[in-house]
Amino acid sequence: MPLLSAVDTALMGHLSAIHLGAVGLGSMIFNFIYWNFGFLRMGTTGTVAQQYGGDDRRAVFMSLVRGGLLALVIASALMAFSPFLLRGMASLLQVSAEHRPLVREYFQVRIWAAPATMIMYVFLGWYFGVQNSLFPMIITVIINVSNIVLSYYFVRVLDLGIAGVAWGTVIAEYIGVLVAISLMLYRYRSYLYGLAWRSKNLFDGLDDFFSVNANLFIRTVALTGAFLMFYRLSSEEGAIVLAANVVLLQLLNWLSYTVDGFAFAAESVVGKYYGAKSYDKVVEAVNKVIKWGTALAVVYAMVYFAFTEALISLFTSDEEVISFAMRYRCVIAALPIVAYLCYVWDGIYIGLTESIWMRNTMVISAVVFIVFHMVFFRDITNGIWYSFFIFLGFRSLLQTIIWRNIIATKLLKYLSK
């Protein structure tokens, strides 16, 4: 997954520091926008996995249709309001005057990928829901390879600069959608046979569909807000603090991408067993995912503690940045232990479509993050990380308590009937 932005960054790094900064800021803007619509994938996975477990093929296919239509509506809105989004995000991220023209050029090209990006969320969620993790891998590899080849050609051969990087990403995303549709027709064409299409089919279960996705949307907005506040506070502390914190967050991203593999598995498997009304299998899947997540977290913690400076040096050679980042060696080493449960529980909750609790725990944790920073760490540079550390830890703890005292009890009553 990180290769898309890594290739863009490497290509721009050979042009100038301004280009490098601009593509970084442009990518960050799209990350913040698109993260908020991650419910298209998460909501689709949980719902489809339960329908698949219940062997309801019509419902499985209609979830894909409904998700696709919603994705197109959202993408159309994003493109229509793109000038306002650009100005708003540039202001929030405090984009400098020298970066603004290049960021605008990048944004105005890449926004054309919005329909492909939104639809891809739905397809990836749908494939995970029908217990197929192979097709998402194939699609992701094809998108990345296409992006590498196209971006290199546009930048190094056609000399299109930052626009070339953006066009490479746009075209690669649409190639991915075509591959996703082709794979669906190849493997799941039987889901179309025998369907008596009526317009009312589209609206069956629509209340639940929007309820789940609305809760996930609110949850993601709260998460995005916490990260946005983190970046904004880091930026206010100066260039060295911002650079160091961006590097340290990359280490958190490495953890999240790895643990998310098991979180995605939880979405699929837990949802399937829930749909099949097999309580024992649900609990078994939950326990296995938590054990694997714990093992990975311990490994990451040991690696981060032993090789902190070497890992930081992969991203920067600035001695001042490295020195500042090294102050958080123990925090970064402890972060995997504190944070991994967030990702694991998210996968479990998505599989059970417990979107209300996902929303509530995220909103409460975001409020705790803000309160701790404003009350206890307001004037201390270290407080940015300490507050964020508490945000992740409190969220993990809250999700664990709710599982043990509310969700597991409810599942036992429902699935044991």
Protein backbone atom coordinates (compact mmCIF):
# COMPACT_ATOMS: atom_id res chain seq x y z
CA MET A 1 0.00 0.00 0.00
CA PRO A 2 2.66 2.64 0.84
CA LEU A 3 4.36 2.21 -2.54
CA LEU A 4 1.97 4.62 -4.29
CA SER A 5 3.17 7.62 -2.29
CA ALA A 6 6.75 6.31 -2.01
CA VAL A 7 7.24 6.28 -5.78
CA ASP A 8 5.80 9.77 -6.15
CA THR A 9 8.06 11.04 -3.38
CA ALA A 10 11.19 9.46 -4.91
CA LEU A 11 10.49 10.90 -8.37
CA MET A 12 9.88 14.41 -7.02
CA GLY A 13 12.95 14.15 -4.79
CA HIS A 14 15.10 14.15 -7.92
CA LEU A 15 13.58 17.41 -9.17
CA SER A 16 13.81 19.77 -6.19
CA ALA A 17 13.07 20.12 -2.50
CA ILE A 18 10.07 22.29 -3.39
CA HIS A 19 8.64 19.56 -5.62
CA LEU A 20 9.27 16.97 -2.91
CA GLY A 21 7.49 19.04 -0.28
CA ALA A 22 4.61 19.84 -2.63
CA VAL A 23 3.86 16.22 -3.53
CA GLY A 24 4.09 15.30 0.15
CA LEU A 25 1.58 18.00 1.09
CA GLY A 26 -0.65 17.12 -1.87
CA SER A 27 -0.68 13.44 -0.93
CA MET A 28 -1.44 14.37 2.68
CA ILE A 29 -4.44 16.44 1.57
CA PHE A 30 -5.89 13.48 -0.33
CA ASN A 31 -5.19 11.14 2.56
CA PHE A 32 -7.16 13.35 4.92
CA ILE A 33 -10.05 13.64 2.43
CA TYR A 34 -10.21 9.98 1.43
CA TRP A 35 -9.76 8.58 4.95
CA ASN A 36 -13.14 10.04 5.85
CA PHE A 37 -14.79 7.80 3.27
CA GLY A 38 -13.05 4.62 4.36
CA PHE A 39 -16.48 3.49 5.58
CA LEU A 40 -17.18 2.48 1.97
CA ARG A 41 -14.71 -0.37 2.44
CA MET A 42 -15.26 -1.11 6.13
CA GLY A 43 -19.05 -1.03 6.01
CA THR A 44 -19.12 -3.16 2.87
CA THR A 45 -16.82 -5.81 4.34
CA GLY A 46 -18.79 -6.34 7.54
CA THR A 47 -22.20 -6.36 5.86
CA VAL A 48 -21.17 -8.60 2.95
CA ALA A 49 -19.32 -11.04 5.23
CA GLN A 50 -22.48 -11.58 7.27
CA GLN A 51 -24.60 -11.97 4.12
CA TYR A 52 -22.03 -14.40 2.73
CA GLY A 53 -22.10 -16.40 5.96
CA GLY A 54 -25.88 -16.52 5.70
CA ASP A 55 -25.60 -17.68 2.03
CA ASP A 56 -27.70 -14.77 0.72
CA ARG A 57 -26.26 -14.20 -2.76
CA ARG A 58 -28.81 -11.59 -3.80
CA ALA A 59 -28.00 -9.48 -0.75
CA VAL A 60 -24.25 -9.91 -1.36
CA PHE A 61 -24.55 -8.59 -4.92
CA MET A 62 -26.93 -5.77 -3.99
CA SER A 63 -24.45 -4.58 -1.35
CA LEU A 64 -21.92 -4.13 -4.15
CA VAL A 65 -24.43 -2.18 -6.24
CA ARG A 66 -25.51 0.06 -3.37
CA GLY A 67 -21.93 0.72 -2.33
CA GLY A 68 -20.92 1.52 -5.91
CA LEU A 69 -23.73 4.03 -6.37
CA LEU A 70 -22.93 5.73 -3.07
CA ALA A 71 -19.25 5.86 -4.08
CA LEU A 72 -20.15 7.66 -7.33
CA VAL A 73 -22.34 10.17 -5.50
CA ILE A 74 -19.55 10.95 -3.02
CA ALA A 75 -16.94 11.23 -5.79
CA SER A 76 -19.17 13.62 -7.74
CA ALA A 77 -19.55 15.82 -4.66
CA LEU A 78 -15.79 15.81 -4.04
CA MET A 79 -15.09 16.88 -7.62
CA ALA A 80 -17.81 19.56 -7.55
CA PHE A 81 -16.49 21.09 -4.33
CA SER A 82 -12.80 20.48 -5.05
CA PRO A 83 -11.82 24.20 -5.16
CA PHE A 84 -13.21 24.70 -1.66
CA LEU A 85 -11.58 21.50 -0.41
CA LEU A 86 -8.21 22.61 -1.74
CA ARG A 87 -8.39 26.02 -0.10
CA GLY A 88 -9.63 24.60 3.19
CA MET A 89 -7.02 21.85 3.45
CA ALA A 90 -4.19 24.14 2.35
CA SER A 91 -5.18 26.51 5.15
CA LEU A 92 -5.47 23.74 7.77
CA LEU A 93 -2.07 22.30 6.82
CA GLN A 94 -0.52 25.77 6.58
CA VAL A 95 0.82 25.24 3.03
CA SER A 96 3.44 27.91 2.32
CA ALA A 97 3.26 30.36 -0.59
CA GLU A 98 6.15 28.67 -2.43
CA HIS A 99 4.41 25.29 -2.29
CA ARG A 100 0.89 26.42 -3.16
CA PRO A 101 1.19 26.55 -7.01
CA LEU A 102 2.64 23.03 -7.21
CA VAL A 103 0.18 21.65 -4.65
CA ARG A 104 -2.68 23.20 -6.66
CA GLU A 105 -1.35 21.64 -9.90
CA TYR A 106 -1.09 18.22 -8.25
CA PHE A 107 -4.53 18.48 -6.65
CA GLN A 108 -6.34 19.61 -9.81
CA VAL A 109 -5.10 16.55 -11.69
CA ARG A 110 -5.41 13.91 -9.00
CA ILE A 111 -8.98 14.87 -8.02
CA TRP A 112 -10.06 13.21 -11.30
CA ALA A 113 -9.25 9.86 -9.66
CA ALA A 114 -11.94 10.38 -7.01
CA PRO A 115 -14.56 8.11 -8.71
CA ALA A 116 -11.99 5.32 -9.13
CA THR A 117 -10.74 5.67 -5.56
CA MET A 118 -14.23 5.59 -4.04
CA ILE A 119 -15.34 2.64 -6.17
CA MET A 120 -12.14 0.78 -5.33
CA TYR A 121 -12.97 1.10 -1.62
CA VAL A 122 -16.24 -0.70 -2.29
CA PHE A 123 -14.69 -3.45 -4.39
CA LEU A 124 -11.93 -4.16 -1.86
CA GLY A 125 -14.48 -4.29 0.95
CA TRP A 126 -16.72 -6.56 -1.11
CA TYR A 127 -13.92 -9.00 -1.91
CA PHE A 128 -12.89 -9.19 1.74
CA GLY A 129 -16.53 -9.79 2.61
CA VAL A 130 -16.78 -12.81 0.29
CA GLN A 131 -13.61 -14.20 1.93
CA ASN A 132 -11.36 -13.45 -1.05
CA SER A 133 -8.10 -11.76 -0.08
CA LEU A 134 -6.30 -12.87 -3.27
CA PHE A 135 -8.14 -10.51 -5.62
CA PRO A 136 -7.41 -7.38 -3.51
CA MET A 137 -3.73 -8.34 -3.54
CA ILE A 138 -3.76 -8.77 -7.34
CA ILE A 139 -5.55 -5.44 -7.80
CA THR A 140 -3.16 -3.61 -5.46
CA VAL A 141 -0.08 -5.02 -7.20
CA ILE A 142 -1.41 -4.02 -10.63
CA ILE A 143 -2.22 -0.50 -9.43
CA ASN A 144 1.24 -0.09 -7.94
CA VAL A 145 3.10 -1.44 -10.97
CA SER A 146 0.99 0.73 -13.30
CA ASN A 147 1.63 3.76 -11.13
CA ILE A 148 5.39 3.18 -11.09
CA VAL A 149 5.64 2.74 -14.87
CA LEU A 150 3.29 5.59 -15.78
CA SER A 151 4.68 8.08 -13.27
CA TYR A 152 8.24 7.35 -14.34
CA TYR A 153 7.29 7.80 -18.01
CA PHE A 154 5.37 11.03 -17.44
CA VAL A 155 8.04 12.59 -15.21
CA ARG A 156 11.35 11.34 -16.62
CA VAL A 157 10.43 10.96 -20.32
CA LEU A 158 7.66 13.51 -20.97
CA ASP A 159 8.99 15.92 -18.30
CA LEU A 160 5.52 16.71 -16.94
CA GLY A 161 6.80 17.34 -13.42
CA ILE A 162 4.36 17.12 -10.54
CA ALA A 163 1.41 16.84 -12.95
CA GLY A 164 3.03 13.68 -14.36
CA VAL A 165 3.08 12.07 -10.94
CA ALA A 166 -0.59 12.94 -10.45
CA TRP A 167 -1.61 11.60 -13.87
CA GLY A 168 0.27 8.38 -13.22
CA THR A 169 -1.74 7.85 -10.04
CA VAL A 170 -5.05 8.77 -11.73
CA ILE A 171 -4.63 6.35 -14.63
CA ALA A 172 -3.37 3.57 -12.34
CA GLU A 173 -6.48 3.92 -10.15
CA TYR A 174 -8.81 3.51 -13.16
CA ILE A 175 -6.81 0.51 -14.37
CA GLY A 176 -7.41 -0.98 -10.92
CA VAL A 177 -11.17 -0.46 -11.22
CA LEU A 178 -11.23 -2.21 -14.61
CA VAL A 179 -9.30 -5.13 -13.13
CA ALA A 180 -11.66 -5.29 -10.14
CA ILE A 181 -14.72 -5.42 -12.40
CA SER A 182 -13.12 -8.03 -14.67
CA LEU A 183 -12.22 -10.27 -11.73
CA MET A 184 -15.73 -9.96 -10.32
CA LEU A 185 -17.30 -11.00 -13.63
CA TYR A 186 -14.79 -13.85 -13.98
CA ARG A 187 -15.28 -15.34 -10.51
CA TYR A 188 -18.70 -14.18 -9.32
CA ARG A 189 -20.80 -14.03 -12.47
CA SER A 190 -23.11 -16.64 -10.96
CA TYR A 191 -24.21 -14.04 -8.40
CA LEU A 192 -25.92 -12.23 -11.29
CA TYR A 193 -27.83 -15.23 -12.58
CA GLY A 194 -31.43 -15.63 -11.52
CA LEU A 195 -31.65 -12.15 -10.04
CA ALA A 196 -35.08 -10.67 -10.64
CA TRP A 197 -34.01 -7.05 -10.90
CA ARG A 198 -36.48 -4.55 -9.53
CA SER A 199 -35.84 -1.01 -8.41
CA LYS A 200 -37.05 -1.91 -4.93
CA ASN A 201 -34.16 -4.37 -4.60
CA LEU A 202 -31.86 -1.40 -4.36
CA PHE A 203 -33.69 -0.10 -1.31
CA ASP A 204 -33.99 -3.36 0.62
CA GLY A 205 -32.06 -2.96 3.86
CA LEU A 206 -31.11 0.61 2.96
CA ASP A 207 -31.74 1.85 6.52
CA ASP A 208 -29.15 -0.53 7.95
CA PHE A 209 -26.75 0.28 5.11
CA PHE A 210 -26.80 4.01 5.81
CA SER A 211 -26.85 3.55 9.58
CA VAL A 212 -23.66 1.48 9.56
CA ASN A 213 -21.90 3.78 7.11
CA ALA A 214 -22.96 6.98 8.88
CA ASN A 215 -21.50 5.73 12.16
CA LEU A 216 -18.28 4.70 10.43
CA PHE A 217 -18.08 8.10 8.75
CA ILE A 218 -18.37 9.93 12.09
CA ARG A 219 -15.78 7.56 13.57
CA THR A 220 -13.33 8.28 10.75
CA VAL A 221 -13.87 12.04 10.94
CA ALA A 222 -12.92 11.87 14.63
CA LEU A 223 -9.78 9.85 13.77
CA THR A 224 -8.84 12.22 10.95
CA GLY A 225 -9.38 15.16 13.29
CA ALA A 226 -6.96 13.68 15.82
CA PHE A 227 -4.26 13.22 13.17
CA LEU A 228 -4.93 16.66 11.72
CA MET A 229 -4.53 18.17 15.19
CA PHE A 230 -1.29 16.21 15.61
CA TYR A 231 0.13 17.60 12.34
CA ARG A 232 -1.08 21.12 13.10
CA LEU A 233 0.44 21.12 16.60
CA SER A 234 3.68 19.68 15.25
CA SER A 235 3.82 22.38 12.57
CA GLU A 236 3.33 25.10 15.15
CA GLU A 237 6.37 23.83 17.08
CA GLY A 238 8.68 24.44 14.11
CA ALA A 239 10.28 22.66 11.15
CA ILE A 240 12.46 20.30 13.20
CA VAL A 241 9.57 19.06 15.36
CA LEU A 242 7.31 18.62 12.33
CA ALA A 243 9.95 16.71 10.36
CA ALA A 244 10.76 14.42 13.30
CA ASN A 245 7.11 13.70 14.02
CA VAL A 246 6.35 12.92 10.37
CA VAL A 247 9.19 10.36 10.43
CA LEU A 248 8.00 8.83 13.70
CA LEU A 249 4.46 8.55 12.36
CA GLN A 250 5.85 6.53 9.46
CA LEU A 251 6.95 3.92 12.00
CA LEU A 252 3.40 3.85 13.35
CA ASN A 253 2.13 3.40 9.79
CA TRP A 254 4.41 0.39 9.28
CA LEU A 255 2.83 -1.21 12.32
CA SER A 256 -0.70 -0.38 11.19
CA TYR A 257 -0.22 -1.82 7.69
CA THR A 258 1.05 -5.10 9.13
CA VAL A 259 -1.54 -5.52 11.88
CA ASP A 260 -4.27 -4.42 9.45
CA GLY A 261 -3.66 -7.66 7.56
CA PHE A 262 -5.08 -9.54 10.54
CA ALA A 263 -7.69 -6.84 11.14
CA PHE A 264 -8.96 -7.34 7.57
CA ALA A 265 -9.00 -11.09 8.21
CA ALA A 266 -11.10 -10.44 11.32
CA GLU A 267 -13.55 -8.36 9.29
CA SER A 268 -14.05 -11.22 6.85
CA VAL A 269 -13.96 -14.25 9.12
CA VAL A 270 -15.79 -12.81 12.13
CA GLY A 271 -18.47 -11.42 9.83
CA LYS A 272 -18.88 -14.77 8.07
CA TYR A 273 -19.31 -16.70 11.32
CA TYR A 274 -21.65 -14.06 12.70
CA GLY A 275 -23.79 -14.38 9.57
CA ALA A 276 -23.74 -18.17 10.01
CA LYS A 277 -24.77 -17.69 13.68
CA SER A 278 -21.79 -19.65 15.02
CA TYR A 279 -20.85 -18.07 18.35
CA ASP A 280 -17.99 -20.47 19.10
CA LYS A 281 -16.36 -19.73 15.74
CA VAL A 282 -16.72 -15.98 16.27
CA VAL A 283 -14.97 -16.17 19.65
CA GLU A 284 -12.27 -18.47 18.25
CA ALA A 285 -11.57 -16.03 15.41
CA VAL A 286 -11.42 -13.09 17.84
CA ASN A 287 -8.94 -14.90 20.10
CA LYS A 288 -6.69 -15.90 17.20
CA VAL A 289 -6.57 -12.39 15.75
CA ILE A 290 -5.69 -10.88 19.14
CA LYS A 291 -2.92 -13.47 19.66
CA TRP A 292 -1.39 -12.75 16.25
CA GLY A 293 -1.69 -9.00 16.86
CA THR A 294 0.03 -9.34 20.22
CA ALA A 295 2.89 -11.35 18.73
CA LEU A 296 3.45 -8.77 15.99
CA ALA A 297 3.30 -5.89 18.47
CA VAL A 298 6.01 -7.48 20.63
CA VAL A 299 8.25 -8.02 17.60
CA TYR A 300 7.76 -4.43 16.45
CA ALA A 301 8.46 -3.09 19.96
CA MET A 302 11.78 -4.96 20.14
CA VAL A 303 12.83 -3.90 16.63
CA TYR A 304 11.90 -0.26 17.22
CA PHE A 305 13.83 -0.14 20.50
CA ALA A 306 16.93 -1.90 19.13
CA PHE A 307 17.12 -0.08 15.77
CA THR A 308 15.46 3.29 16.42
CA GLU A 309 18.26 5.46 15.03
CA ALA A 310 18.82 3.24 11.98
CA LEU A 311 15.12 3.31 11.12
CA ILE A 312 14.87 7.08 11.54
CA SER A 313 17.96 7.50 9.35
CA LEU A 314 16.14 5.77 6.48
CA PHE A 315 13.93 8.84 6.21
CA THR A 316 16.33 11.69 6.96
CA SER A 317 20.04 12.50 7.25
CA ASP A 318 19.44 15.74 9.16
CA GLU A 319 21.28 15.31 12.47
CA GLU A 320 19.02 17.77 14.30
CA VAL A 321 15.89 15.90 13.21
CA ILE A 322 17.42 12.54 14.15
CA SER A 323 18.50 13.87 17.53
CA PHE A 324 15.04 15.21 18.32
CA ALA A 325 13.30 12.03 17.15
CA MET A 326 15.63 9.89 19.29
CA ARG A 327 14.22 11.58 22.39
CA TYR A 328 11.11 9.46 21.81
CA ARG A 329 12.89 6.13 21.54
CA CYS A 330 11.03 4.58 24.50
CA VAL A 331 7.70 6.08 23.39
CA ILE A 332 8.07 4.64 19.88
CA ALA A 333 9.13 1.24 21.27
CA ALA A 334 6.06 1.16 23.56
CA LEU A 335 3.69 2.43 20.87
CA PRO A 336 3.13 -0.96 19.16
CA ILE A 337 2.05 -2.52 22.48
CA VAL A 338 -0.35 0.35 23.14
CA ALA A 339 -1.69 0.82 19.60
CA TYR A 340 -2.08 -2.64 18.05
CA LEU A 341 -5.38 -3.41 19.81
CA CYS A 342 -6.96 -0.38 18.12
CA TYR A 343 -6.44 -1.94 14.71
CA VAL A 344 -7.41 -5.45 15.79
CA TRP A 345 -10.62 -4.36 17.55
CA ASP A 346 -11.58 -2.23 14.56
CA GLY A 347 -11.47 -5.33 12.36
CA ILE A 348 -13.52 -7.35 14.85
CA TYR A 349 -16.10 -4.60 15.32
CA ILE A 350 -16.42 -4.14 11.54
CA GLY A 351 -17.04 -7.85 11.05
CA LEU A 352 -19.84 -7.66 13.63
CA THR A 353 -21.08 -4.33 12.13
CA GLU A 354 -20.84 -2.80 15.61
CA SER A 355 -20.41 0.62 14.05
CA ILE A 356 -22.10 2.46 16.92
CA TRP A 357 -19.42 1.33 19.38
CA MET A 358 -16.69 2.10 16.85
CA ARG A 359 -18.09 5.62 16.57
CA ASN A 360 -18.49 6.13 20.32
CA THR A 361 -15.05 4.85 21.33
CA MET A 362 -13.32 6.93 18.67
CA VAL A 363 -15.17 10.15 19.51
CA ILE A 364 -14.57 9.71 23.26
CA SER A 365 -10.87 8.95 22.68
CA ALA A 366 -10.48 12.00 20.43
CA VAL A 367 -12.01 14.18 23.14
CA VAL A 368 -9.61 12.65 25.70
CA PHE A 369 -6.70 13.45 23.34
CA ILE A 370 -7.74 17.10 23.07
CA VAL A 371 -8.40 17.49 26.79
CA PHE A 372 -5.09 15.94 27.82
CA HIS A 373 -3.16 18.17 25.46
CA MET A 374 -5.01 21.37 26.38
CA VAL A 375 -5.02 20.76 30.15
CA PHE A 376 -1.86 18.81 30.93
CA PHE A 377 0.57 19.21 28.01
CA ARG A 378 -0.41 22.47 26.36
CA ASP A 379 2.93 24.27 26.60
CA ILE A 380 5.20 21.25 26.38
CA THR A 381 6.55 20.03 23.01
CA ASN A 382 6.67 16.50 24.38
CA GLY A 383 2.97 16.75 25.15
CA ILE A 384 2.03 16.21 21.50
CA TRP A 385 3.33 12.65 21.64
CA TYR A 386 2.24 11.98 25.21
CA SER A 387 -1.31 13.09 24.38
CA PHE A 388 -1.32 10.96 21.22
CA PHE A 389 0.04 8.02 23.20
CA ILE A 390 -2.89 8.39 25.64
CA PHE A 391 -5.32 8.69 22.72
CA LEU A 392 -4.27 5.31 21.28
CA GLY A 393 -4.00 3.58 24.66
CA PHE A 394 -7.35 4.85 25.92
CA ARG A 395 -9.05 3.77 22.71
CA SER A 396 -7.58 0.27 22.97
CA LEU A 397 -8.68 -0.01 26.61
CA LEU A 398 -12.18 1.27 25.92
CA GLN A 399 -12.73 -1.14 23.01
CA THR A 400 -11.53 -4.06 25.15
CA ILE A 401 -13.88 -3.17 28.02
CA ILE A 402 -16.87 -2.82 25.68
CA TRP A 403 -16.13 -6.17 24.04
CA ARG A 404 -15.91 -8.04 27.33
CA ASN A 405 -18.84 -6.40 29.09
CA ILE A 406 -21.31 -5.64 26.30
CA ILE A 407 -20.67 -7.12 22.85
CA ALA A 408 -19.56 -10.63 23.87
CA THR A 409 -22.55 -10.95 26.20
CA LYS A 410 -24.94 -9.80 23.48
CA LEU A 411 -23.42 -12.21 20.98
CA LEU A 412 -23.77 -15.13 23.38
CA LYS A 413 -27.48 -14.42 23.84
CA TYR A 414 -28.13 -13.87 20.13
CA LEU A 415 -26.04 -16.62 18.54
CA SER A 416 -26.80 -19.30 21.12
CA LYS A 417 -30.55 -19.26 20.48
